[in-house]
Structures are given as C-alpha cells and as structure tokens.
Amino acid sequence: MSQKREGLYGINPLLEALRAGNRDFDKVHVVKGTHGRGVEEIIEICRKDNIPVYFESRESLDRIAGTKKHQGIFAYVAAKGYSSVEEILSVAEKRGEAPFLLILDSIEDPRNLGAIIRTADGAGVHGIIIPKHRSSGLSSTVAKTSAGAVEHIPVSRETNLVRTIEFLQKKGLWIYGLELKGEKEYTDTTYDIPLAIVIGSEGKGIRESIRKACDVTIRIPLFGRINSLNVSVAAGIILFEIAKQRTKV
C-alpha cells in the first residue's frame, strides 16, 4: 500500500524534514528568485537526493500550495508517521534518561499543537501522546507552526488515553495532570523521576476520566482577572520547569 501524501510548506518545516530524513519527498516547488540560506540548503539537499525541484511564479505557487503563507517553498511529501508508546519510551532508554512524556488531551487547534510540539522539543521531552479522536493530527499546519520540530519528536496517537496512562504507570511513570485547581503549585513538585505531564484543552481542561487516572494534579498560579492561560503558554511554563529540575547537577 502506498504511503499517504501531503503538502508541506515553509522553509523550516521543509528543511527539518529533509535533515531528519524520515519522509519521502516527491517534488519541491520554489518561487523564482527566492533566496536565503535555508532555501539554498533545501535545494542543495534535493539535488543531492535526486528530488525534483520546480521553479514557479508566486501566483502559481499560491495555487499549488493552497495558501499564501508558504514562504516561497512547497513540497509533496509522505505524511508524518506516528510512533508507538513503546517507541517513545525507547527514546528515553537509548539516551539513558528517565522518561519525560507529554500527554495532550483534546488539543483541537493545529496551531496550538504545533506550538506545543516546538516547546516540547526545546524542553527535551522524549515524546508526545495525543488521542485519536477530539484532537488535531499531524497536519501541514502543525508542521509549519512547530517550525519543523515535529520531525524530531515522536508522536503517538492512542485510542484510549486512560489505558495508555495505566500502561505508563505500570512502566513506573508518575502521571501529573496540569489543572486550574490542581492540588499542588507546579514549583512545589519534584520532577527528576520518570513522568508524563497531562495537559487538556483551553476550554474544558483535562477530561474527568483522565484526571482521575493521574497520580497528582498541579496548577500554575494566576494573579490577574483572567483565570486561564493559552494552552501552549501553560505547556511552556511547566515543561521548562521540569527541564530545569532534570538538568540540575
């Protein structure tokens, strides 16, 4: 069976996909006269790997890409594949590190998902788990918003997050749920252990069944009149607190 194809656009998403080498490229379209180190490296890699490159007018590429936000470059590539939870755990094992996973419950906005993936990669997360339903998948918008980070961090898509959490607990991971009214402030918790952080959607937070499966719930204190944060901002706060604790010597 042939692998599903999709469009990928933007300089960083294409460059990181080529560098990672995990996707097959059919062809690349570039707006005539587009320059810059990133574009030149993309063209160089394509020529070395025998990937056809076509030079187009900007109007033509707007039609091909179906968007004007392509940064002058667009490609047809194999769709980004998903990993298993076991494969994510093996990433931590190969690095000799305690597992550090992120579970995202019902993040439906692809821009939020992409921003979180970019942050998670920067914080050293070994892998991300999302639900098969009620969640954005790994689309070209996610790839663009992640600035190509989606090519470097494994993502698992699971049917039942509660069962996945139970599996991780049996593997020795502690599960922390980030909630508005969590039991502990996020800075009053120790994270230098095998763990997974669960973050829910902005509107509804973590679903009740998943919250009950968590070992501990934590919160980020807020001091203004608006009692919520953008989910990608909240993810950045907690993930880098964990990264800070785990990198202390």
C-alpha atoms as a PDB file:
ATOM      1  CA  MET A   1       0.000   0.000   0.000  1.00  0.00           C
ATOM      2  CA  SER A   2       1.390   3.409  -0.978  1.00  0.00           C
ATOM      3  CA  GLN A   3       2.080   5.874   1.805  1.00  0.00           C
ATOM      4  CA  LYS A   4      -0.311   8.788   2.210  1.00  0.00           C
ATOM      5  CA  ARG A   5       0.998  12.056   0.783  1.00  0.00           C
ATOM      6  CA  GLU A   6       0.503  15.621   1.954  1.00  0.00           C
ATOM      7  CA  GLY A   7       1.640  19.143   1.220  1.00  0.00           C
ATOM      8  CA  LEU A   8       4.363  20.679   3.374  1.00  0.00           C
ATOM      9  CA  TYR A   9       5.211  24.373   3.237  1.00  0.00           C
ATOM     10  CA  GLY A  10       7.512  26.863   4.912  1.00  0.00           C
ATOM     11  CA  ILE A  11      11.312  26.995   4.976  1.00  0.00           C
ATOM     12  CA  ASN A  12      11.921  25.487   8.431  1.00  0.00           C
ATOM     13  CA  PRO A  13       9.391  22.631   8.097  1.00  0.00           C
ATOM     14  CA  LEU A  14      10.884  21.535   4.759  1.00  0.00           C
ATOM     15  CA  LEU A  15      14.470  21.957   5.885  1.00  0.00           C
ATOM     16  CA  GLU A  16      13.961  19.978   9.104  1.00  0.00           C
ATOM     17  CA  ALA A  17      12.073  17.229   7.264  1.00  0.00           C
ATOM     18  CA  LEU A  18      14.954  16.891   4.800  1.00  0.00           C
ATOM     19  CA  ARG A  19      17.548  16.925   7.574  1.00  0.00           C
ATOM     20  CA  ALA A  20      15.644  14.308   9.587  1.00  0.00           C
ATOM     21  CA  GLY A  21      15.363  12.049   6.550  1.00  0.00           C
ATOM     22  CA  ASN A  22      12.202  10.350   7.806  1.00  0.00           C
ATOM     23  CA  ARG A  23       9.899  11.329   4.943  1.00  0.00           C
ATOM     24  CA  ASP A  24       9.950  10.621   1.219  1.00  0.00           C
ATOM     25  CA  PHE A  25       9.799  13.765  -0.932  1.00  0.00           C
ATOM     26  CA  ASP A  26       8.039  13.610  -4.310  1.00  0.00           C
ATOM     27  CA  LYS A  27       8.924  17.098  -5.534  1.00  0.00           C
ATOM     28  CA  VAL A  28       9.611  20.609  -4.309  1.00  0.00           C
ATOM     29  CA  HIS A  29       8.249  23.868  -5.749  1.00  0.00           C
ATOM     30  CA  VAL A  30      10.151  27.124  -5.199  1.00  0.00           C
ATOM     31  CA  VAL A  31       9.163  30.666  -6.137  1.00  0.00           C
ATOM     32  CA  LYS A  32      11.613  32.042  -8.702  1.00  0.00           C
ATOM     33  CA  GLY A  33      14.101  34.415  -7.137  1.00  0.00           C
ATOM     34  CA  THR A  34      13.629  33.126  -3.577  1.00  0.00           C
ATOM     35  CA  HIS A  35      16.972  33.260  -1.772  1.00  0.00           C
ATOM     36  CA  GLY A  36      18.370  32.736   1.690  1.00  0.00           C
ATOM     37  CA  ARG A  37      20.500  30.141   3.443  1.00  0.00           C
ATOM     38  CA  GLY A  38      17.537  27.901   4.259  1.00  0.00           C
ATOM     39  CA  VAL A  39      16.199  27.825   0.710  1.00  0.00           C
ATOM     40  CA  GLU A  40      19.639  27.243  -0.756  1.00  0.00           C
ATOM     41  CA  GLU A  41      20.243  24.336   1.645  1.00  0.00           C
ATOM     42  CA  ILE A  42      16.870  22.819   0.717  1.00  0.00           C
ATOM     43  CA  ILE A  43      17.716  22.985  -2.989  1.00  0.00           C
ATOM     44  CA  GLU A  44      21.190  21.547  -2.354  1.00  0.00           C
ATOM     45  CA  ILE A  45      19.795  18.586  -0.373  1.00  0.00           C
ATOM     46  CA  CYS A  46      17.130  17.971  -3.035  1.00  0.00           C
ATOM     47  CA  ARG A  47      19.714  17.872  -5.807  1.00  0.00           C
ATOM     48  CA  LYS A  48      21.934  15.527  -3.796  1.00  0.00           C
ATOM     49  CA  ASP A  49      18.971  13.224  -3.065  1.00  0.00           C
ATOM     50  CA  ASN A  50      17.557  13.440  -6.611  1.00  0.00           C
ATOM     51  CA  ILE A  51      14.352  15.172  -5.508  1.00  0.00           C
ATOM     52  CA  PRO A  52      12.872  17.193  -8.407  1.00  0.00           C
ATOM     53  CA  VAL A  53      12.788  20.971  -7.841  1.00  0.00           C
ATOM     54  CA  TYR A  54      10.445  23.165  -9.898  1.00  0.00           C
ATOM     55  CA  PHE A  55      10.675  26.956 -10.019  1.00  0.00           C
ATOM     56  CA  GLU A  56       7.322  28.748 -10.142  1.00  0.00           C
ATOM     57  CA  SER A  57       5.836  32.227 -10.167  1.00  0.00           C
ATOM     58  CA  ARG A  58       4.435  33.329  -6.810  1.00  0.00           C
ATOM     59  CA  GLU A  59       0.888  33.238  -8.195  1.00  0.00           C
ATOM     60  CA  SER A  60       1.407  29.675  -9.395  1.00  0.00           C
ATOM     61  CA  LEU A  61       2.769  28.525  -6.042  1.00  0.00           C
ATOM     62  CA  ASP A  62      -0.157  30.193  -4.243  1.00  0.00           C
ATOM     63  CA  ARG A  63      -2.455  27.923  -6.261  1.00  0.00           C
ATOM     64  CA  ILE A  64      -0.331  24.796  -5.798  1.00  0.00           C
ATOM     65  CA  ALA A  65       0.044  25.270  -2.048  1.00  0.00           C
ATOM     66  CA  GLY A  66      -3.496  26.493  -1.444  1.00  0.00           C
ATOM     67  CA  THR A  67      -2.111  29.217   0.823  1.00  0.00           C
ATOM     68  CA  LYS A  68      -0.063  32.401   0.561  1.00  0.00           C
ATOM     69  CA  LYS A  69       1.842  31.591   3.760  1.00  0.00           C
ATOM     70  CA  HIS A  70       4.273  29.186   2.090  1.00  0.00           C
ATOM     71  CA  GLN A  71       7.401  31.426   2.373  1.00  0.00           C
ATOM     72  CA  GLY A  72       8.133  30.732  -1.281  1.00  0.00           C
ATOM     73  CA  ILE A  73       8.501  26.957  -0.968  1.00  0.00           C
ATOM     74  CA  PHE A  74       6.186  23.922  -1.010  1.00  0.00           C
ATOM     75  CA  ALA A  75       6.647  20.155  -1.293  1.00  0.00           C
ATOM     76  CA  TYR A  76       4.643  16.970  -1.737  1.00  0.00           C
ATOM     77  CA  VAL A  77       5.863  14.510   0.878  1.00  0.00           C
ATOM     78  CA  ALA A  78       4.924  11.339   2.707  1.00  0.00           C
ATOM     79  CA  ALA A  79       2.591  12.107   5.610  1.00  0.00           C
ATOM     80  CA  LYS A  80       4.246  12.290   9.009  1.00  0.00           C
ATOM     81  CA  GLY A  81       4.026   8.881  10.664  1.00  0.00           C
ATOM     82  CA  TYR A  82       3.043   8.159  14.253  1.00  0.00           C
ATOM     83  CA  SER A  83       5.107   6.212  16.777  1.00  0.00           C
ATOM     84  CA  SER A  84       4.031   3.706  19.405  1.00  0.00           C
ATOM     85  CA  VAL A  85       4.243   4.464  23.124  1.00  0.00           C
ATOM     86  CA  GLU A  86       6.885   1.743  23.385  1.00  0.00           C
ATOM     87  CA  GLU A  87       8.983   3.510  20.745  1.00  0.00           C
ATOM     88  CA  ILE A  88       8.751   6.751  22.710  1.00  0.00           C
ATOM     89  CA  LEU A  89       9.907   5.016  25.889  1.00  0.00           C
ATOM     90  CA  SER A  90      12.816   3.514  23.968  1.00  0.00           C
ATOM     91  CA  VAL A  91      13.994   7.038  23.061  1.00  0.00           C
ATOM     92  CA  ALA A  92      14.499   7.782  26.758  1.00  0.00           C
ATOM     93  CA  GLU A  93      16.153   4.415  27.322  1.00  0.00           C
ATOM     94  CA  LYS A  94      18.627   4.953  24.481  1.00  0.00           C
ATOM     95  CA  ARG A  95      19.565   8.345  25.932  1.00  0.00           C
ATOM     96  CA  GLY A  96      19.989   6.860  29.402  1.00  0.00           C
ATOM     97  CA  GLU A  97      17.376   9.259  30.792  1.00  0.00           C
ATOM     98  CA  ALA A  98      14.257   8.899  32.922  1.00  0.00           C
ATOM     99  CA  PRO A  99      11.215   9.111  30.608  1.00  0.00           C
ATOM    100  CA  PHE A 100       9.736  12.595  30.157  1.00  0.00           C
ATOM    101  CA  LEU A 101       6.487  12.393  28.196  1.00  0.00           C
ATOM    102  CA  LEU A 102       3.715  14.838  27.343  1.00  0.00           C
ATOM    103  CA  ILE A 103       0.079  13.739  27.018  1.00  0.00           C
ATOM    104  CA  LEU A 104      -2.244  16.212  25.282  1.00  0.00           C
ATOM    105  CA  ASP A 105      -5.976  15.760  25.828  1.00  0.00           C
ATOM    106  CA  SER A 106      -8.273  17.226  23.163  1.00  0.00           C
ATOM    107  CA  ILE A 107      -5.997  19.912  21.678  1.00  0.00           C
ATOM    108  CA  GLU A 108      -8.031  20.584  18.538  1.00  0.00           C
ATOM    109  CA  ASP A 109      -6.343  23.748  17.232  1.00  0.00           C
ATOM    110  CA  PRO A 110      -3.423  22.688  14.989  1.00  0.00           C
ATOM    111  CA  ARG A 111      -1.582  25.945  15.711  1.00  0.00           C
ATOM    112  CA  ASN A 112      -1.658  25.234  19.440  1.00  0.00           C
ATOM    113  CA  LEU A 113      -0.496  21.670  18.828  1.00  0.00           C
ATOM    114  CA  GLY A 114       2.363  22.865  16.629  1.00  0.00           C
ATOM    115  CA  ALA A 115       3.456  25.469  19.171  1.00  0.00           C
ATOM    116  CA  ILE A 116       3.401  22.876  21.963  1.00  0.00           C
ATOM    117  CA  ILE A 117       5.450  20.415  19.888  1.00  0.00           C
ATOM    118  CA  ARG A 118       8.070  23.112  19.279  1.00  0.00           C
ATOM    119  CA  THR A 119       8.218  23.898  23.007  1.00  0.00           C
ATOM    120  CA  ALA A 120       8.319  20.218  23.980  1.00  0.00           C
ATOM    121  CA  ASP A 121      11.269  19.594  21.685  1.00  0.00           C
ATOM    122  CA  GLY A 122      13.118  22.532  23.218  1.00  0.00           C
ATOM    123  CA  ALA A 123      12.440  21.233  26.733  1.00  0.00           C
ATOM    124  CA  GLY A 124      13.805  17.773  25.973  1.00  0.00           C
ATOM    125  CA  VAL A 125      10.511  15.852  26.007  1.00  0.00           C
ATOM    126  CA  HIS A 126      11.053  12.312  24.719  1.00  0.00           C
ATOM    127  CA  GLY A 127       7.674  12.035  23.034  1.00  0.00           C
ATOM    128  CA  ILE A 128       4.084  13.234  22.870  1.00  0.00           C
ATOM    129  CA  ILE A 129       0.843  11.268  23.125  1.00  0.00           C
ATOM    130  CA  ILE A 130      -2.418  12.549  21.633  1.00  0.00           C
ATOM    131  CA  PRO A 131      -5.870  10.940  21.373  1.00  0.00           C
ATOM    132  CA  LYS A 132      -7.081   9.518  18.078  1.00  0.00           C
ATOM    133  CA  HIS A 133     -10.349  11.446  18.387  1.00  0.00           C
ATOM    134  CA  ARG A 134     -11.104  15.005  19.545  1.00  0.00           C
ATOM    135  CA  SER A 135      -7.612  16.159  18.652  1.00  0.00           C
ATOM    136  CA  SER A 136      -5.713  17.747  15.814  1.00  0.00           C
ATOM    137  CA  GLY A 137      -3.498  15.336  13.926  1.00  0.00           C
ATOM    138  CA  LEU A 138      -0.054  15.987  12.461  1.00  0.00           C
ATOM    139  CA  SER A 139      -1.058  18.254   9.589  1.00  0.00           C
ATOM    140  CA  SER A 140       0.982  20.654   7.475  1.00  0.00           C
ATOM    141  CA  THR A 141      -0.278  23.491   9.696  1.00  0.00           C
ATOM    142  CA  VAL A 142       1.105  21.684  12.744  1.00  0.00           C
ATOM    143  CA  ALA A 143       4.432  21.190  10.963  1.00  0.00           C
ATOM    144  CA  LYS A 144       4.595  24.880   9.994  1.00  0.00           C
ATOM    145  CA  THR A 145       3.703  26.138  13.479  1.00  0.00           C
ATOM    146  CA  SER A 146       6.206  23.769  15.079  1.00  0.00           C
ATOM    147  CA  ALA A 147       8.956  25.295  12.876  1.00  0.00           C
ATOM    148  CA  GLY A 148       9.922  21.758  11.857  1.00  0.00           C
ATOM    149  CA  ALA A 149      10.199  20.382  15.412  1.00  0.00           C
ATOM    150  CA  VAL A 150       7.575  17.765  14.545  1.00  0.00           C
ATOM    151  CA  GLU A 151      10.278  15.998  12.523  1.00  0.00           C
ATOM    152  CA  HIS A 152      12.418  15.434  15.620  1.00  0.00           C
ATOM    153  CA  ILE A 153       9.998  14.360  18.349  1.00  0.00           C
ATOM    154  CA  PRO A 154       7.927  11.154  18.162  1.00  0.00           C
ATOM    155  CA  VAL A 155       4.157  11.462  18.489  1.00  0.00           C
ATOM    156  CA  SER A 156       1.862   8.570  19.383  1.00  0.00           C
ATOM    157  CA  ARG A 157      -1.866   8.605  18.587  1.00  0.00           C
ATOM    158  CA  GLU A 158      -3.828   6.447  21.019  1.00  0.00           C
ATOM    159  CA  THR A 159      -7.480   5.384  21.087  1.00  0.00           C
ATOM    160  CA  ASN A 160      -7.845   5.341  24.885  1.00  0.00           C
ATOM    161  CA  LEU A 161      -5.744   7.747  26.949  1.00  0.00           C
ATOM    162  CA  VAL A 162      -6.826   6.247  30.279  1.00  0.00           C
ATOM    163  CA  ARG A 163      -5.485   2.844  29.252  1.00  0.00           C
ATOM    164  CA  THR A 164      -2.335   4.498  27.967  1.00  0.00           C
ATOM    165  CA  ILE A 165      -1.845   6.223  31.318  1.00  0.00           C
ATOM    166  CA  GLU A 166      -2.361   2.914  33.145  1.00  0.00           C
ATOM    167  CA  PHE A 167       0.244   1.306  30.871  1.00  0.00           C
ATOM    168  CA  LEU A 168       2.735   4.074  31.647  1.00  0.00           C
ATOM    169  CA  GLN A 169       2.083   3.755  35.370  1.00  0.00           C
ATOM    170  CA  LYS A 170       2.881   0.046  35.149  1.00  0.00           C
ATOM    171  CA  LYS A 171       6.146   1.061  33.486  1.00  0.00           C
ATOM    172  CA  GLY A 172       6.994   3.167  36.538  1.00  0.00           C
ATOM    173  CA  LEU A 173       5.986   6.635  35.312  1.00  0.00           C
ATOM    174  CA  TRP A 174       4.264   9.162  37.543  1.00  0.00           C
ATOM    175  CA  ILE A 175       1.399  10.986  35.834  1.00  0.00           C
ATOM    176  CA  TYR A 176       0.938  14.695  36.598  1.00  0.00           C
ATOM    177  CA  GLY A 177      -2.203  16.473  35.419  1.00  0.00           C
ATOM    178  CA  LEU A 178      -1.996  20.241  34.869  1.00  0.00           C
ATOM    179  CA  GLU A 179      -5.249  21.808  36.081  1.00  0.00           C
ATOM    180  CA  LEU A 180      -6.552  25.237  37.044  1.00  0.00           C
ATOM    181  CA  LYS A 181      -7.283  23.988  40.581  1.00  0.00           C
ATOM    182  CA  GLY A 182      -4.556  21.377  40.917  1.00  0.00           C
ATOM    183  CA  GLU A 183      -3.541  20.025  44.318  1.00  0.00           C
ATOM    184  CA  LYS A 184      -0.006  21.482  44.259  1.00  0.00           C
ATOM    185  CA  GLU A 185       1.668  24.505  42.711  1.00  0.00           C
ATOM    186  CA  TYR A 186       3.875  23.390  39.845  1.00  0.00           C
ATOM    187  CA  THR A 187       7.023  24.716  41.553  1.00  0.00           C
ATOM    188  CA  ASP A 188       6.354  22.687  44.715  1.00  0.00           C
ATOM    189  CA  THR A 189       6.771  19.362  42.946  1.00  0.00           C
ATOM    190  CA  THR A 190       9.787  17.185  42.159  1.00  0.00           C
ATOM    191  CA  TYR A 191      10.155  16.124  38.526  1.00  0.00           C
ATOM    192  CA  ASP A 192      13.505  14.307  38.408  1.00  0.00           C
ATOM    193  CA  ILE A 193      11.692  10.964  38.057  1.00  0.00           C
ATOM    194  CA  PRO A 194      10.074   9.019  35.191  1.00  0.00           C
ATOM    195  CA  LEU A 195       6.959  11.041  34.394  1.00  0.00           C
ATOM    196  CA  ALA A 196       4.307  12.185  31.979  1.00  0.00           C
ATOM    197  CA  ILE A 197       2.525  15.542  32.103  1.00  0.00           C
ATOM    198  CA  VAL A 198      -1.123  15.687  31.014  1.00  0.00           C
ATOM    199  CA  ILE A 199      -2.430  18.966  29.582  1.00  0.00           C
ATOM    200  CA  GLY A 200      -6.020  19.488  28.453  1.00  0.00           C
ATOM    201  CA  SER A 201      -7.731  21.914  26.118  1.00  0.00           C
ATOM    202  CA  GLU A 202      -8.152  25.595  26.959  1.00  0.00           C
ATOM    203  CA  GLY A 203     -11.924  25.381  27.089  1.00  0.00           C
ATOM    204  CA  LYS A 204     -12.535  22.210  29.092  1.00  0.00           C
ATOM    205  CA  GLY A 205      -9.189  21.191  30.547  1.00  0.00           C
ATOM    206  CA  ILE A 206      -8.469  17.535  31.243  1.00  0.00           C
ATOM    207  CA  ARG A 207     -11.437  15.201  30.910  1.00  0.00           C
ATOM    208  CA  GLU A 208     -12.695  13.799  34.222  1.00  0.00           C
ATOM    209  CA  SER A 209     -11.802  10.175  33.456  1.00  0.00           C
ATOM    210  CA  ILE A 210      -8.238  11.187  32.619  1.00  0.00           C
ATOM    211  CA  ARG A 211      -7.942  13.482  35.639  1.00  0.00           C
ATOM    212  CA  LYS A 212      -8.917  10.587  37.914  1.00  0.00           C
ATOM    213  CA  ALA A 213      -6.194   8.435  36.343  1.00  0.00           C
ATOM    214  CA  CYS A 214      -3.472  10.983  37.209  1.00  0.00           C
ATOM    215  CA  ASP A 215      -1.318  10.429  40.293  1.00  0.00           C
ATOM    216  CA  VAL A 216      -1.099  14.141  41.124  1.00  0.00           C
ATOM    217  CA  THR A 217      -2.670  17.331  39.794  1.00  0.00           C
ATOM    218  CA  ILE A 218      -0.655  20.544  39.678  1.00  0.00           C
ATOM    219  CA  ARG A 219      -1.513  24.165  38.968  1.00  0.00           C
ATOM    220  CA  ILE A 220       0.103  27.351  37.702  1.00  0.00           C
ATOM    221  CA  PRO A 221      -0.887  30.259  39.997  1.00  0.00           C
ATOM    222  CA  LEU A 222      -2.529  33.217  38.259  1.00  0.00           C
ATOM    223  CA  PHE A 223      -2.686  36.766  39.646  1.00  0.00           C
ATOM    224  CA  GLY A 224      -4.852  38.686  37.189  1.00  0.00           C
ATOM    225  CA  ARG A 225      -8.541  38.811  36.385  1.00  0.00           C
ATOM    226  CA  ILE A 226      -8.387  36.221  33.599  1.00  0.00           C
ATOM    227  CA  ASN A 227      -8.243  32.775  35.169  1.00  0.00           C
ATOM    228  CA  SER A 228      -6.646  30.894  32.291  1.00  0.00           C
ATOM    229  CA  LEU A 229      -3.589  30.799  30.032  1.00  0.00           C
ATOM    230  CA  ASN A 230      -3.206  29.885  26.401  1.00  0.00           C
ATOM    231  CA  VAL A 231      -2.519  26.146  26.415  1.00  0.00           C
ATOM    232  CA  SER A 232       0.804  26.488  24.605  1.00  0.00           C
ATOM    233  CA  VAL A 233       1.946  29.122  27.125  1.00  0.00           C
ATOM    234  CA  ALA A 234       0.948  26.874  30.031  1.00  0.00           C
ATOM    235  CA  ALA A 235       2.815  23.992  28.407  1.00  0.00           C
ATOM    236  CA  GLY A 236       5.941  26.124  28.107  1.00  0.00           C
ATOM    237  CA  ILE A 237       5.861  27.112  31.774  1.00  0.00           C
ATOM    238  CA  ILE A 238       5.530  23.584  33.120  1.00  0.00           C
ATOM    239  CA  LEU A 239       7.800  21.846  30.594  1.00  0.00           C
ATOM    240  CA  PHE A 240      10.719  24.178  31.228  1.00  0.00           C
ATOM    241  CA  GLU A 241      10.286  23.925  34.998  1.00  0.00           C
ATOM    242  CA  ILE A 242      10.642  20.162  34.556  1.00  0.00           C
ATOM    243  CA  ALA A 243      13.621  20.620  32.225  1.00  0.00           C
ATOM    244  CA  LYS A 244      15.302  22.923  34.764  1.00  0.00           C
ATOM    245  CA  GLN A 245      14.941  20.379  37.566  1.00  0.00           C
ATOM    246  CA  ARG A 246      16.062  17.457  35.431  1.00  0.00           C
ATOM    247  CA  THR A 247      19.215  19.194  34.208  1.00  0.00           C
ATOM    248  CA  LYS A 248      20.480  20.237  37.655  1.00  0.00           C
ATOM    249  CA  VAL A 249      23.787  18.629  38.585  1.00  0.00           C
END
